[in-house]
mmCIF file of all heavy atoms, coordinates in Angstrom:
data_MODEL
# 
_entry.id   MODEL 
# 
loop_
_atom_site.group_PDB 
_atom_site.id 
_atom_site.type_symbol 
_atom_site.label_atom_id 
_atom_site.label_alt_id 
_atom_site.label_comp_id 
_atom_site.label_asym_id 
_atom_site.label_entity_id 
_atom_site.label_seq_id 
_atom_site.pdbx_PDB_ins_code 
_atom_site.Cartn_x 
_atom_site.Cartn_y 
_atom_site.Cartn_z 
_atom_site.occupancy 
_atom_site.B_iso_or_equiv 
_atom_site.pdbx_formal_charge 
_atom_site.auth_seq_id 
_atom_site.auth_comp_id 
_atom_site.auth_asym_id 
_atom_site.auth_atom_id 
_atom_site.pdbx_PDB_model_num 
ATOM 1   N N   . ARG A 1 1  ? -1.974 -13.412 4.296   1.00 0.00 ? 1  ARG A N   1 
ATOM 2   C CA  . ARG A 1 1  ? -2.416 -12.123 4.780   1.00 0.00 ? 1  ARG A CA  1 
ATOM 3   C C   . ARG A 1 1  ? -1.241 -11.156 4.752   1.00 0.00 ? 1  ARG A C   1 
ATOM 4   O O   . ARG A 1 1  ? -0.209 -11.420 5.455   1.00 0.00 ? 1  ARG A O   1 
ATOM 5   C CB  . ARG A 1 1  ? -2.999 -12.186 6.182   1.00 0.00 ? 1  ARG A CB  1 
ATOM 6   C CG  . ARG A 1 1  ? -3.584 -10.922 6.684   1.00 0.00 ? 1  ARG A CG  1 
ATOM 7   C CD  . ARG A 1 1  ? -4.166 -11.102 8.104   1.00 0.00 ? 1  ARG A CD  1 
ATOM 8   N NE  . ARG A 1 1  ? -4.779 -9.923  8.629   1.00 0.00 ? 1  ARG A NE  1 
ATOM 9   C CZ  . ARG A 1 1  ? -6.066 -9.566  8.424   1.00 0.00 ? 1  ARG A CZ  1 
ATOM 10  N NH1 . ARG A 1 1  ? -6.862 -10.371 7.719   1.00 0.00 ? 1  ARG A NH1 1 
ATOM 11  N NH2 . ARG A 1 1  ? -6.558 -8.462  8.933   1.00 0.00 ? 1  ARG A NH2 1 
ATOM 12  N N   . LEU A 1 2  ? -1.355 -10.118 3.974   1.00 0.00 ? 2  LEU A N   1 
ATOM 13  C CA  . LEU A 1 2  ? -0.339 -9.098  3.904   1.00 0.00 ? 2  LEU A CA  1 
ATOM 14  C C   . LEU A 1 2  ? -0.691 -7.945  4.839   1.00 0.00 ? 2  LEU A C   1 
ATOM 15  O O   . LEU A 1 2  ? -1.866 -7.609  4.940   1.00 0.00 ? 2  LEU A O   1 
ATOM 16  C CB  . LEU A 1 2  ? -0.167 -8.583  2.501   1.00 0.00 ? 2  LEU A CB  1 
ATOM 17  C CG  . LEU A 1 2  ? 0.090  -9.603  1.375   1.00 0.00 ? 2  LEU A CG  1 
ATOM 18  C CD1 . LEU A 1 2  ? 0.296  -8.880  0.060   1.00 0.00 ? 2  LEU A CD1 1 
ATOM 19  C CD2 . LEU A 1 2  ? 1.268  -10.469 1.721   1.00 0.00 ? 2  LEU A CD2 1 
ATOM 20  N N   . SER A 1 3  ? 0.295  -7.349  5.428   1.00 0.00 ? 3  SER A N   1 
ATOM 21  C CA  . SER A 1 3  ? 0.081  -6.177  6.290   1.00 0.00 ? 3  SER A CA  1 
ATOM 22  C C   . SER A 1 3  ? 0.981  -5.035  5.842   1.00 0.00 ? 3  SER A C   1 
ATOM 23  O O   . SER A 1 3  ? 2.036  -5.262  5.240   1.00 0.00 ? 3  SER A O   1 
ATOM 24  C CB  . SER A 1 3  ? 0.410  -6.531  7.740   1.00 0.00 ? 3  SER A CB  1 
ATOM 25  O OG  . SER A 1 3  ? -0.514 -7.495  8.239   1.00 0.00 ? 3  SER A OG  1 
ATOM 26  N N   . CYS A 1 4  ? 0.538  -3.847  6.123   1.00 0.00 ? 4  CYS A N   1 
ATOM 27  C CA  . CYS A 1 4  ? 1.306  -2.629  5.794   1.00 0.00 ? 4  CYS A CA  1 
ATOM 28  C C   . CYS A 1 4  ? 1.193  -1.654  6.948   1.00 0.00 ? 4  CYS A C   1 
ATOM 29  O O   . CYS A 1 4  ? 0.048  -1.295  7.337   1.00 0.00 ? 4  CYS A O   1 
ATOM 30  C CB  . CYS A 1 4  ? 0.739  -2.050  4.505   1.00 0.00 ? 4  CYS A CB  1 
ATOM 31  S SG  . CYS A 1 4  ? 1.413  -0.441  4.055   1.00 0.00 ? 4  CYS A SG  1 
ATOM 32  N N   . VAL A 1 5  ? 2.283  -1.235  7.500   1.00 0.00 ? 5  VAL A N   1 
ATOM 33  C CA  . VAL A 1 5  ? 2.283  -0.278  8.585   1.00 0.00 ? 5  VAL A CA  1 
ATOM 34  C C   . VAL A 1 5  ? 2.629  1.076   8.041   1.00 0.00 ? 5  VAL A C   1 
ATOM 35  O O   . VAL A 1 5  ? 3.600  1.253   7.308   1.00 0.00 ? 5  VAL A O   1 
ATOM 36  C CB  . VAL A 1 5  ? 3.310  -0.725  9.652   1.00 0.00 ? 5  VAL A CB  1 
ATOM 37  C CG1 . VAL A 1 5  ? 3.359  0.375   10.764  1.00 0.00 ? 5  VAL A CG1 1 
ATOM 38  C CG2 . VAL A 1 5  ? 2.900  -2.063  10.255  1.00 0.00 ? 5  VAL A CG2 1 
ATOM 39  N N   . PHE A 1 6  ? 1.863  2.024   8.418   1.00 0.00 ? 6  PHE A N   1 
ATOM 40  C CA  . PHE A 1 6  ? 1.981  3.452   7.956   1.00 0.00 ? 6  PHE A CA  1 
ATOM 41  C C   . PHE A 1 6  ? 2.599  4.271   9.089   1.00 0.00 ? 6  PHE A C   1 
ATOM 42  O O   . PHE A 1 6  ? 2.188  4.134   10.269  1.00 0.00 ? 6  PHE A O   1 
ATOM 43  C CB  . PHE A 1 6  ? 0.586  3.964   7.642   1.00 0.00 ? 6  PHE A CB  1 
ATOM 44  C CG  . PHE A 1 6  ? 0.442  5.402   7.317   1.00 0.00 ? 6  PHE A CG  1 
ATOM 45  C CD1 . PHE A 1 6  ? 0.222  5.814   6.020   1.00 0.00 ? 6  PHE A CD1 1 
ATOM 46  C CD2 . PHE A 1 6  ? 0.434  6.378   8.320   1.00 0.00 ? 6  PHE A CD2 1 
ATOM 47  C CE1 . PHE A 1 6  ? 0.052  7.136   5.695   1.00 0.00 ? 6  PHE A CE1 1 
ATOM 48  C CE2 . PHE A 1 6  ? 0.286  7.736   8.011   1.00 0.00 ? 6  PHE A CE2 1 
ATOM 49  C CZ  . PHE A 1 6  ? 0.095  8.108   6.716   1.00 0.00 ? 6  PHE A CZ  1 
ATOM 50  N N   . SER A 1 7  ? 3.545  5.165   8.714   1.00 0.00 ? 7  SER A N   1 
ATOM 51  C CA  . SER A 1 7  ? 4.127  6.039   9.699   1.00 0.00 ? 7  SER A CA  1 
ATOM 52  C C   . SER A 1 7  ? 4.477  7.365   9.028   1.00 0.00 ? 7  SER A C   1 
ATOM 53  O O   . SER A 1 7  ? 4.563  7.450   7.832   1.00 0.00 ? 7  SER A O   1 
ATOM 54  C CB  . SER A 1 7  ? 5.381  5.434   10.347  1.00 0.00 ? 7  SER A CB  1 
ATOM 55  O OG  . SER A 1 7  ? 6.355  5.206   9.368   1.00 0.00 ? 7  SER A OG  1 
ATOM 56  N N   . GLY A 1 8  ? 4.684  8.408   9.881   1.00 0.00 ? 8  GLY A N   1 
ATOM 57  C CA  . GLY A 1 8  ? 5.142  9.692   9.362   1.00 0.00 ? 8  GLY A CA  1 
ATOM 58  C C   . GLY A 1 8  ? 4.055  10.624  8.917   1.00 0.00 ? 8  GLY A C   1 
ATOM 59  O O   . GLY A 1 8  ? 4.373  11.630  8.276   1.00 0.00 ? 8  GLY A O   1 
ATOM 60  N N   . GLY A 1 9  ? 2.814  10.320  9.222   1.00 0.00 ? 9  GLY A N   1 
ATOM 61  C CA  . GLY A 1 9  ? 1.725  11.197  8.807   1.00 0.00 ? 9  GLY A CA  1 
ATOM 62  C C   . GLY A 1 9  ? 0.460  10.838  9.546   1.00 0.00 ? 9  GLY A C   1 
ATOM 63  O O   . GLY A 1 9  ? 0.494  10.045  10.491  1.00 0.00 ? 9  GLY A O   1 
ATOM 64  N N   . THR A 1 10 ? -0.649 11.413  9.125   1.00 0.00 ? 10 THR A N   1 
ATOM 65  C CA  . THR A 1 10 ? -1.957 11.130  9.709   1.00 0.00 ? 10 THR A CA  1 
ATOM 66  C C   . THR A 1 10 ? -2.635 10.081  8.879   1.00 0.00 ? 10 THR A C   1 
ATOM 67  O O   . THR A 1 10 ? -3.159 10.362  7.761   1.00 0.00 ? 10 THR A O   1 
ATOM 68  C CB  . THR A 1 10 ? -2.802 12.393  9.800   1.00 0.00 ? 10 THR A CB  1 
ATOM 69  O OG1 . THR A 1 10 ? -2.081 13.370  10.580  1.00 0.00 ? 10 THR A OG1 1 
ATOM 70  C CG2 . THR A 1 10 ? -4.129 12.107  10.485  1.00 0.00 ? 10 THR A CG2 1 
ATOM 71  N N   . PHE A 1 11 ? -2.715 8.881   9.365   1.00 0.00 ? 11 PHE A N   1 
ATOM 72  C CA  . PHE A 1 11 ? -3.198 7.733   8.615   1.00 0.00 ? 11 PHE A CA  1 
ATOM 73  C C   . PHE A 1 11 ? -4.631 7.956   8.067   1.00 0.00 ? 11 PHE A C   1 
ATOM 74  O O   . PHE A 1 11 ? -4.932 7.600   6.920   1.00 0.00 ? 11 PHE A O   1 
ATOM 75  C CB  . PHE A 1 11 ? -3.157 6.487   9.527   1.00 0.00 ? 11 PHE A CB  1 
ATOM 76  C CG  . PHE A 1 11 ? -3.481 5.189   8.866   1.00 0.00 ? 11 PHE A CG  1 
ATOM 77  C CD1 . PHE A 1 11 ? -2.807 4.810   7.708   1.00 0.00 ? 11 PHE A CD1 1 
ATOM 78  C CD2 . PHE A 1 11 ? -4.444 4.342   9.426   1.00 0.00 ? 11 PHE A CD2 1 
ATOM 79  C CE1 . PHE A 1 11 ? -3.073 3.570   7.120   1.00 0.00 ? 11 PHE A CE1 1 
ATOM 80  C CE2 . PHE A 1 11 ? -4.749 3.129   8.819   1.00 0.00 ? 11 PHE A CE2 1 
ATOM 81  C CZ  . PHE A 1 11 ? -4.071 2.755   7.664   1.00 0.00 ? 11 PHE A CZ  1 
ATOM 82  N N   . THR A 1 12 ? -5.463 8.561   8.845   1.00 0.00 ? 12 THR A N   1 
ATOM 83  C CA  . THR A 1 12 ? -6.842 8.736   8.461   1.00 0.00 ? 12 THR A CA  1 
ATOM 84  C C   . THR A 1 12 ? -7.044 9.783   7.349   1.00 0.00 ? 12 THR A C   1 
ATOM 85  O O   . THR A 1 12 ? -8.165 9.988   6.874   1.00 0.00 ? 12 THR A O   1 
ATOM 86  C CB  . THR A 1 12 ? -7.724 9.092   9.678   1.00 0.00 ? 12 THR A CB  1 
ATOM 87  O OG1 . THR A 1 12 ? -7.145 10.190  10.320  1.00 0.00 ? 12 THR A OG1 1 
ATOM 88  C CG2 . THR A 1 12 ? -7.862 7.907   10.607  1.00 0.00 ? 12 THR A CG2 1 
ATOM 89  N N   . ASN A 1 13 ? -5.941 10.455  6.937   1.00 0.00 ? 13 ASN A N   1 
ATOM 90  C CA  . ASN A 1 13 ? -6.030 11.355  5.800   1.00 0.00 ? 13 ASN A CA  1 
ATOM 91  C C   . ASN A 1 13 ? -5.832 10.671  4.469   1.00 0.00 ? 13 ASN A C   1 
ATOM 92  O O   . ASN A 1 13 ? -5.833 11.300  3.439   1.00 0.00 ? 13 ASN A O   1 
ATOM 93  C CB  . ASN A 1 13 ? -4.916 12.424  5.965   1.00 0.00 ? 13 ASN A CB  1 
ATOM 94  C CG  . ASN A 1 13 ? -5.284 13.463  7.037   1.00 0.00 ? 13 ASN A CG  1 
ATOM 95  O OD1 . ASN A 1 13 ? -6.429 13.526  7.523   1.00 0.00 ? 13 ASN A OD1 1 
ATOM 96  N ND2 . ASN A 1 13 ? -4.344 14.276  7.405   1.00 0.00 ? 13 ASN A ND2 1 
ATOM 97  N N   . TYR A 1 14 ? -5.611 9.331   4.511   1.00 0.00 ? 14 TYR A N   1 
ATOM 98  C CA  . TYR A 1 14 ? -5.284 8.598   3.341   1.00 0.00 ? 14 TYR A CA  1 
ATOM 99  C C   . TYR A 1 14 ? -6.187 7.377   3.099   1.00 0.00 ? 14 TYR A C   1 
ATOM 100 O O   . TYR A 1 14 ? -6.438 6.608   4.010   1.00 0.00 ? 14 TYR A O   1 
ATOM 101 C CB  . TYR A 1 14 ? -3.821 8.101   3.409   1.00 0.00 ? 14 TYR A CB  1 
ATOM 102 C CG  . TYR A 1 14 ? -2.775 9.200   3.437   1.00 0.00 ? 14 TYR A CG  1 
ATOM 103 C CD1 . TYR A 1 14 ? -2.425 9.791   4.641   1.00 0.00 ? 14 TYR A CD1 1 
ATOM 104 C CD2 . TYR A 1 14 ? -2.179 9.648   2.304   1.00 0.00 ? 14 TYR A CD2 1 
ATOM 105 C CE1 . TYR A 1 14 ? -1.488 10.798  4.697   1.00 0.00 ? 14 TYR A CE1 1 
ATOM 106 C CE2 . TYR A 1 14 ? -1.239 10.653  2.311   1.00 0.00 ? 14 TYR A CE2 1 
ATOM 107 C CZ  . TYR A 1 14 ? -0.889 11.243  3.532   1.00 0.00 ? 14 TYR A CZ  1 
ATOM 108 O OH  . TYR A 1 14 ? 0.007  12.258  3.524   1.00 0.00 ? 14 TYR A OH  1 
ATOM 109 N N   . ALA A 1 15 ? -6.609 7.269   1.840   1.00 0.00 ? 15 ALA A N   1 
ATOM 110 C CA  . ALA A 1 15 ? -7.120 5.996   1.416   1.00 0.00 ? 15 ALA A CA  1 
ATOM 111 C C   . ALA A 1 15 ? -5.919 5.097   1.193   1.00 0.00 ? 15 ALA A C   1 
ATOM 112 O O   . ALA A 1 15 ? -4.814 5.565   0.829   1.00 0.00 ? 15 ALA A O   1 
ATOM 113 C CB  . ALA A 1 15 ? -7.903 6.164   0.111   1.00 0.00 ? 15 ALA A CB  1 
ATOM 114 N N   . MET A 1 16 ? -6.113 3.783   1.372   1.00 0.00 ? 16 MET A N   1 
ATOM 115 C CA  . MET A 1 16 ? -5.012 2.832   1.264   1.00 0.00 ? 16 MET A CA  1 
ATOM 116 C C   . MET A 1 16 ? -5.273 1.828   0.195   1.00 0.00 ? 16 MET A C   1 
ATOM 117 O O   . MET A 1 16 ? -6.387 1.234   0.156   1.00 0.00 ? 16 MET A O   1 
ATOM 118 C CB  . MET A 1 16 ? -4.787 2.138   2.620   1.00 0.00 ? 16 MET A CB  1 
ATOM 119 C CG  . MET A 1 16 ? -4.418 3.102   3.765   1.00 0.00 ? 16 MET A CG  1 
ATOM 120 S SD  . MET A 1 16 ? -2.869 3.994   3.456   1.00 0.00 ? 16 MET A SD  1 
ATOM 121 C CE  . MET A 1 16 ? -1.675 2.667   3.419   1.00 0.00 ? 16 MET A CE  1 
ATOM 122 N N   . GLY A 1 17 ? -4.321 1.559   -0.624  1.00 0.00 ? 17 GLY A N   1 
ATOM 123 C CA  . GLY A 1 17 ? -4.491 0.620   -1.702  1.00 0.00 ? 17 GLY A CA  1 
ATOM 124 C C   . GLY A 1 17 ? -3.423 -0.433  -1.784  1.00 0.00 ? 17 GLY A C   1 
ATOM 125 O O   . GLY A 1 17 ? -2.341 -0.275  -1.163  1.00 0.00 ? 17 GLY A O   1 
ATOM 126 N N   . TRP A 1 18 ? -3.720 -1.456  -2.495  1.00 0.00 ? 18 TRP A N   1 
ATOM 127 C CA  . TRP A 1 18 ? -2.771 -2.529  -2.790  1.00 0.00 ? 18 TRP A CA  1 
ATOM 128 C C   . TRP A 1 18 ? -2.659 -2.703  -4.295  1.00 0.00 ? 18 TRP A C   1 
ATOM 129 O O   . TRP A 1 18 ? -3.681 -2.715  -4.997  1.00 0.00 ? 18 TRP A O   1 
ATOM 130 C CB  . TRP A 1 18 ? -3.191 -3.862  -2.166  1.00 0.00 ? 18 TRP A CB  1 
ATOM 131 C CG  . TRP A 1 18 ? -3.105 -3.907  -0.676  1.00 0.00 ? 18 TRP A CG  1 
ATOM 132 C CD1 . TRP A 1 18 ? -4.067 -3.598  0.231   1.00 0.00 ? 18 TRP A CD1 1 
ATOM 133 C CD2 . TRP A 1 18 ? -1.938 -4.269  0.075   1.00 0.00 ? 18 TRP A CD2 1 
ATOM 134 N NE1 . TRP A 1 18 ? -3.609 -3.745  1.496   1.00 0.00 ? 18 TRP A NE1 1 
ATOM 135 C CE2 . TRP A 1 18 ? -2.278 -4.139  1.433   1.00 0.00 ? 18 TRP A CE2 1 
ATOM 136 C CE3 . TRP A 1 18 ? -0.657 -4.694  -0.243  1.00 0.00 ? 18 TRP A CE3 1 
ATOM 137 C CZ2 . TRP A 1 18 ? -1.387 -4.476  2.492   1.00 0.00 ? 18 TRP A CZ2 1 
ATOM 138 C CZ3 . TRP A 1 18 ? 0.240  -4.954  0.775   1.00 0.00 ? 18 TRP A CZ3 1 
ATOM 139 C CH2 . TRP A 1 18 ? -0.125 -4.862  2.112   1.00 0.00 ? 18 TRP A CH2 1 
ATOM 140 N N   . PHE A 1 19 ? -1.421 -2.781  -4.762  1.00 0.00 ? 19 PHE A N   1 
ATOM 141 C CA  . PHE A 1 19 ? -1.123 -3.036  -6.178  1.00 0.00 ? 19 PHE A CA  1 
ATOM 142 C C   . PHE A 1 19 ? -0.199 -4.229  -6.247  1.00 0.00 ? 19 PHE A C   1 
ATOM 143 O O   . PHE A 1 19 ? 0.396  -4.631  -5.225  1.00 0.00 ? 19 PHE A O   1 
ATOM 144 C CB  . PHE A 1 19 ? -0.451 -1.824  -6.799  1.00 0.00 ? 19 PHE A CB  1 
ATOM 145 C CG  . PHE A 1 19 ? -1.349 -0.643  -6.998  1.00 0.00 ? 19 PHE A CG  1 
ATOM 146 C CD1 . PHE A 1 19 ? -1.746 0.165   -5.870  1.00 0.00 ? 19 PHE A CD1 1 
ATOM 147 C CD2 . PHE A 1 19 ? -1.788 -0.273  -8.220  1.00 0.00 ? 19 PHE A CD2 1 
ATOM 148 C CE1 . PHE A 1 19 ? -2.570 1.225   -6.067  1.00 0.00 ? 19 PHE A CE1 1 
ATOM 149 C CE2 . PHE A 1 19 ? -2.648 0.824   -8.417  1.00 0.00 ? 19 PHE A CE2 1 
ATOM 150 C CZ  . PHE A 1 19 ? -3.022 1.591   -7.304  1.00 0.00 ? 19 PHE A CZ  1 
ATOM 151 N N   . ARG A 1 20 ? -0.043 -4.765  -7.448  1.00 0.00 ? 20 ARG A N   1 
ATOM 152 C CA  . ARG A 1 20 ? 0.918  -5.891  -7.625  1.00 0.00 ? 20 ARG A CA  1 
ATOM 153 C C   . ARG A 1 20 ? 1.545  -5.812  -8.983  1.00 0.00 ? 20 ARG A C   1 
ATOM 154 O O   . ARG A 1 20 ? 0.972  -5.255  -9.903  1.00 0.00 ? 20 ARG A O   1 
ATOM 155 C CB  . ARG A 1 20 ? 0.199  -7.213  -7.426  1.00 0.00 ? 20 ARG A CB  1 
ATOM 156 C CG  . ARG A 1 20 ? -0.814 -7.552  -8.488  1.00 0.00 ? 20 ARG A CG  1 
ATOM 157 C CD  . ARG A 1 20 ? -1.530 -8.863  -8.133  1.00 0.00 ? 20 ARG A CD  1 
ATOM 158 N NE  . ARG A 1 20 ? -2.503 -9.265  -9.158  1.00 0.00 ? 20 ARG A NE  1 
ATOM 159 C CZ  . ARG A 1 20 ? -3.307 -10.281 -9.024  1.00 0.00 ? 20 ARG A CZ  1 
ATOM 160 N NH1 . ARG A 1 20 ? -3.344 -11.015 -7.916  1.00 0.00 ? 20 ARG A NH1 1 
ATOM 161 N NH2 . ARG A 1 20 ? -4.161 -10.617 -9.996  1.00 0.00 ? 20 ARG A NH2 1 
ATOM 162 N N   . GLN A 1 21 ? 2.702  -6.336  -9.068  1.00 0.00 ? 21 GLN A N   1 
ATOM 163 C CA  . GLN A 1 21 ? 3.450  -6.366  -10.359 1.00 0.00 ? 21 GLN A CA  1 
ATOM 164 C C   . GLN A 1 21 ? 4.118  -7.731  -10.498 1.00 0.00 ? 21 GLN A C   1 
ATOM 165 O O   . GLN A 1 21 ? 4.959  -8.142  -9.719  1.00 0.00 ? 21 GLN A O   1 
ATOM 166 C CB  . GLN A 1 21 ? 4.473  -5.284  -10.389 1.00 0.00 ? 21 GLN A CB  1 
ATOM 167 C CG  . GLN A 1 21 ? 5.194  -5.164  -11.768 1.00 0.00 ? 21 GLN A CG  1 
ATOM 168 C CD  . GLN A 1 21 ? 5.995  -3.934  -11.914 1.00 0.00 ? 21 GLN A CD  1 
ATOM 169 O OE1 . GLN A 1 21 ? 6.397  -3.282  -10.951 1.00 0.00 ? 21 GLN A OE1 1 
ATOM 170 N NE2 . GLN A 1 21 ? 6.285  -3.562  -13.132 1.00 0.00 ? 21 GLN A NE2 1 
ATOM 171 N N   . ALA A 1 22 ? 3.680  -8.432  -11.570 1.00 0.00 ? 22 ALA A N   1 
ATOM 172 C CA  . ALA A 1 22 ? 4.229  -9.725  -11.914 1.00 0.00 ? 22 ALA A CA  1 
ATOM 173 C C   . ALA A 1 22 ? 5.376  -9.503  -12.878 1.00 0.00 ? 22 ALA A C   1 
ATOM 174 O O   . ALA A 1 22 ? 5.412  -8.450  -13.563 1.00 0.00 ? 22 ALA A O   1 
ATOM 175 C CB  . ALA A 1 22 ? 3.182  -10.635 -12.507 1.00 0.00 ? 22 ALA A CB  1 
ATOM 176 N N   . PRO A 1 23 ? 6.298  -10.431 -12.965 1.00 0.00 ? 23 PRO A N   1 
ATOM 177 C CA  . PRO A 1 23 ? 7.465  -10.261 -13.862 1.00 0.00 ? 23 PRO A CA  1 
ATOM 178 C C   . PRO A 1 23 ? 6.973  -10.031 -15.302 1.00 0.00 ? 23 PRO A C   1 
ATOM 179 O O   . PRO A 1 23 ? 6.113  -10.730 -15.819 1.00 0.00 ? 23 PRO A O   1 
ATOM 180 C CB  . PRO A 1 23 ? 8.196  -11.611 -13.763 1.00 0.00 ? 23 PRO A CB  1 
ATOM 181 C CG  . PRO A 1 23 ? 7.854  -12.073 -12.420 1.00 0.00 ? 23 PRO A CG  1 
ATOM 182 C CD  . PRO A 1 23 ? 6.423  -11.671 -12.158 1.00 0.00 ? 23 PRO A CD  1 
ATOM 183 N N   . GLY A 1 24 ? 7.522  -9.017  -15.925 1.00 0.00 ? 24 GLY A N   1 
ATOM 184 C CA  . GLY A 1 24 ? 7.199  -8.695  -17.295 1.00 0.00 ? 24 GLY A CA  1 
ATOM 185 C C   . GLY A 1 24 ? 5.846  -8.029  -17.513 1.00 0.00 ? 24 GLY A C   1 
ATOM 186 O O   . GLY A 1 24 ? 5.399  -7.827  -18.658 1.00 0.00 ? 24 GLY A O   1 
ATOM 187 N N   . ARG A 1 25 ? 5.188  -7.635  -16.457 1.00 0.00 ? 25 ARG A N   1 
ATOM 188 C CA  . ARG A 1 25 ? 3.895  -7.019  -16.521 1.00 0.00 ? 25 ARG A CA  1 
ATOM 189 C C   . ARG A 1 25 ? 3.881  -5.661  -15.864 1.00 0.00 ? 25 ARG A C   1 
ATOM 190 O O   . ARG A 1 25 ? 4.769  -5.382  -14.981 1.00 0.00 ? 25 ARG A O   1 
ATOM 191 C CB  . ARG A 1 25 ? 2.823  -7.910  -15.964 1.00 0.00 ? 25 ARG A CB  1 
ATOM 192 C CG  . ARG A 1 25 ? 2.745  -9.269  -16.631 1.00 0.00 ? 25 ARG A CG  1 
ATOM 193 C CD  . ARG A 1 25 ? 1.599  -10.097 -16.117 1.00 0.00 ? 25 ARG A CD  1 
ATOM 194 N NE  . ARG A 1 25 ? 0.300  -9.463  -16.479 1.00 0.00 ? 25 ARG A NE  1 
ATOM 195 C CZ  . ARG A 1 25 ? -0.845 -10.045 -16.240 1.00 0.00 ? 25 ARG A CZ  1 
ATOM 196 N NH1 . ARG A 1 25 ? -0.894 -11.229 -15.635 1.00 0.00 ? 25 ARG A NH1 1 
ATOM 197 N NH2 . ARG A 1 25 ? -1.995 -9.465  -16.577 1.00 0.00 ? 25 ARG A NH2 1 
ATOM 198 N N   . HIS A 1 26 ? 2.934  -4.799  -16.201 1.00 0.00 ? 26 HIS A N   1 
ATOM 199 C CA  . HIS A 1 26 ? 2.782  -3.552  -15.538 1.00 0.00 ? 26 HIS A CA  1 
ATOM 200 C C   . HIS A 1 26 ? 2.193  -3.744  -14.184 1.00 0.00 ? 26 HIS A C   1 
ATOM 201 O O   . HIS A 1 26 ? 1.525  -4.729  -13.889 1.00 0.00 ? 26 HIS A O   1 
ATOM 202 C CB  . HIS A 1 26 ? 1.829  -2.639  -16.354 1.00 0.00 ? 26 HIS A CB  1 
ATOM 203 C CG  . HIS A 1 26 ? 2.422  -2.257  -17.699 1.00 0.00 ? 26 HIS A CG  1 
ATOM 204 N ND1 . HIS A 1 26 ? 3.544  -1.484  -17.819 1.00 0.00 ? 26 HIS A ND1 1 
ATOM 205 C CD2 . HIS A 1 26 ? 1.957  -2.496  -18.946 1.00 0.00 ? 26 HIS A CD2 1 
ATOM 206 C CE1 . HIS A 1 26 ? 3.781  -1.288  -19.110 1.00 0.00 ? 26 HIS A CE1 1 
ATOM 207 N NE2 . HIS A 1 26 ? 2.819  -1.901  -19.807 1.00 0.00 ? 26 HIS A NE2 1 
# 
């Protein structure tokens, strides 16, 4: 389970996404 803490703005103004990058890949 990964977590991400948001700070410095209004959280509810943002959709939140997860991306990943494997070695040698976009």
